[in-house]
Structures are given as C-alpha cells and as structure tokens.
C-alpha atoms as a PDB file:
ATOM      1  CA  MET A   1      92.165 111.452  61.679  1.00  0.00           C
ATOM      2  CA  THR A   2      95.838 111.478  62.651  1.00  0.00           C
ATOM      3  CA  SER A   3      98.707 108.860  61.452  1.00  0.00           C
ATOM      4  CA  LYS A   4      98.130 107.177  64.990  1.00  0.00           C
ATOM      5  CA  GLY A   5      94.305 106.734  64.426  1.00  0.00           C
ATOM      6  CA  GLN A   6      93.307 109.537  66.732  1.00  0.00           C
ATOM      7  CA  LEU A   7      90.472 111.736  65.878  1.00  0.00           C
ATOM      8  CA  THR A   8      89.394 115.157  66.885  1.00  0.00           C
ATOM      9  CA  VAL A   9      85.911 115.289  68.611  1.00  0.00           C
ATOM     10  CA  PRO A  10      84.471 118.953  68.330  1.00  0.00           C
ATOM     11  CA  ALA A  11      83.881 120.735  71.304  1.00  0.00           C
ATOM     12  CA  GLU A  12      80.436 121.108  71.041  1.00  0.00           C
ATOM     13  CA  VAL A  13      79.940 117.253  70.735  1.00  0.00           C
ATOM     14  CA  ARG A  14      82.417 116.745  73.973  1.00  0.00           C
ATOM     15  CA  ARG A  15      80.260 119.131  76.179  1.00  0.00           C
ATOM     16  CA  ALA A  16      77.069 117.324  74.878  1.00  0.00           C
ATOM     17  CA  LEU A  17      78.455 114.079  76.038  1.00  0.00           C
ATOM     18  CA  GLY A  18      80.229 115.306  79.057  1.00  0.00           C
ATOM     19  CA  LEU A  19      83.560 114.073  78.058  1.00  0.00           C
ATOM     20  CA  GLN A  20      86.636 115.422  80.016  1.00  0.00           C
ATOM     21  CA  PRO A  21      90.484 114.423  79.603  1.00  0.00           C
ATOM     22  CA  GLY A  22      90.567 110.580  80.031  1.00  0.00           C
ATOM     23  CA  SER A  23      86.838 109.728  79.307  1.00  0.00           C
ATOM     24  CA  LYS A  24      86.478 106.504  77.292  1.00  0.00           C
ATOM     25  CA  VAL A  25      84.164 106.171  73.823  1.00  0.00           C
ATOM     26  CA  GLU A  26      83.302 103.343  72.012  1.00  0.00           C
ATOM     27  CA  PHE A  27      81.942 103.156  68.293  1.00  0.00           C
ATOM     28  CA  VAL A  28      78.817 100.957  68.101  1.00  0.00           C
ATOM     29  CA  ALA A  29      77.713  99.608  64.854  1.00  0.00           C
ATOM     30  CA  THR A  30      74.098 100.348  63.946  1.00  0.00           C
ATOM     31  CA  GLU A  31      71.657  98.468  61.880  1.00  0.00           C
ATOM     32  CA  ARG A  32      72.165 100.791  58.848  1.00  0.00           C
ATOM     33  CA  GLY A  33      75.837 100.038  58.538  1.00  0.00           C
ATOM     34  CA  ALA A  34      77.071 103.208  60.305  1.00  0.00           C
ATOM     35  CA  TYR A  35      78.650 103.635  63.779  1.00  0.00           C
ATOM     36  CA  GLU A  36      77.517 106.063  66.703  1.00  0.00           C
ATOM     37  CA  LEU A  37      79.986 107.382  69.021  1.00  0.00           C
ATOM     38  CA  THR A  38      78.840 106.730  72.770  1.00  0.00           C
ATOM     39  CA  VAL A  39      80.645 107.115  76.366  1.00  0.00           C
ATOM     40  CA  LYS A  40      81.894 104.055  77.336  1.00  0.00           C
ATOM     41  CA  ARG A  41      80.671 103.928  81.271  1.00  0.00           C
ATOM     42  CA  GLY A  42      82.387 101.900  83.554  1.00  0.00           C
ATOM     43  CA  SER A  43      81.157  98.610  85.535  1.00  0.00           C
ATOM     44  CA  ILE A  44      80.792  98.395  89.153  1.00  0.00           C
ATOM     45  CA  GLN A  45      83.729  96.087  89.018  1.00  0.00           C
ATOM     46  CA  GLY A  46      85.893  99.258  88.129  1.00  0.00           C
ATOM     47  CA  LEU A  47      85.369 100.559  91.552  1.00  0.00           C
ATOM     48  CA  LYS A  48      87.039  97.811  93.239  1.00  0.00           C
ATOM     49  CA  GLY A  49      90.110  98.762  95.262  1.00  0.00           C
ATOM     50  CA  MET A  50      89.107 102.288  94.927  1.00  0.00           C
ATOM     51  CA  PHE A  51      88.618 102.591  98.943  1.00  0.00           C
ATOM     52  CA  PRO A  52      90.219 100.808 101.727  1.00  0.00           C
ATOM     53  CA  ALA A  53      88.532  98.033 103.590  1.00  0.00           C
ATOM     54  CA  PRO A  54      87.018  99.424 106.661  1.00  0.00           C
ATOM     55  CA  ALA A  55      89.195  98.986 109.849  1.00  0.00           C
ATOM     56  CA  VAL A  56      86.263  97.039 111.470  1.00  0.00           C
ATOM     57  CA  PRO A  57      84.012  94.774 109.301  1.00  0.00           C
ATOM     58  CA  VAL A  58      80.447  95.848 108.958  1.00  0.00           C
ATOM     59  CA  THR A  59      77.461  93.438 109.045  1.00  0.00           C
ATOM     60  CA  LEU A  60      74.765  93.204 106.298  1.00  0.00           C
ATOM     61  CA  GLU A  61      72.340  94.357 109.514  1.00  0.00           C
ATOM     62  CA  GLN A  62      74.897  97.725 109.894  1.00  0.00           C
ATOM     63  CA  MET A  63      74.384  98.261 106.180  1.00  0.00           C
ATOM     64  CA  ASP A  64      70.741  97.803 106.154  1.00  0.00           C
ATOM     65  CA  ASP A  65      70.187 100.310 109.168  1.00  0.00           C
ATOM     66  CA  ALA A  66      72.468 103.071 107.557  1.00  0.00           C
ATOM     67  CA  ILE A  67      70.617 102.630 104.308  1.00  0.00           C
ATOM     68  CA  ALA A  68      67.373 103.157 106.432  1.00  0.00           C
ATOM     69  CA  GLN A  69      68.791 106.030 108.282  1.00  0.00           C
ATOM     70  CA  GLY A  70      69.834 107.796 104.979  1.00  0.00           C
ATOM     71  CA  ALA A  71      66.352 107.187 103.571  1.00  0.00           C
ATOM     72  CA  SER A  72      64.580 108.412 106.689  1.00  0.00           C
ATOM     73  CA  ALA A  73      67.063 111.438 106.765  1.00  0.00           C
ATOM     74  CA  SER A  74      66.269 112.431 102.654  1.00  0.00           C
ATOM     75  CA  LEU A  75      62.682 112.185 103.350  1.00  0.00           C
ATOM     76  CA  GLY A  76      63.000 114.638 106.310  1.00  0.00           C
ATOM     77  CA  ARG A  77      61.509 112.006 108.829  1.00  0.00           C
END
C-alpha cells in the first residue's frame, strides 16, 4: 500500500473482475471478519443526463410499441 492508501491490484485479478481504468471497487466486510473486493456497479440513477432529452416527447404507448417491435424483431417475427 502506498502512503496515499492506494493498492495495486494484480493483472490477473483485474482481468477476472473486468476492471478498466476508472472502474470503482469496494471492500465488503464478510461474516468471518475479512473483506472481499467487489466491483462497484453503477445504479440507474448514474445514467441521468447521459443522453439529451428528445426533441419531441415520446408517449408511453409509443414506448410500448417500440419495445414490442424490438422484441418481435429479435425473435425473427
């Protein structure tokens, strides 16, 4: 551990966890008093603001139709 509290994660562990630069991890306490390193997954709230608002609002019916069309297309119908 460095003086700044940074740890080096071995390449094999980074590959196994799918870690990339900027990935976030957390240490989770186990019942045995040890800690596990886990990849911190973002929540749906983290996506807010990633995409611009549509120029024309979409209705729930239009969303349902688009979902149904996509489902049909993926099933080859």
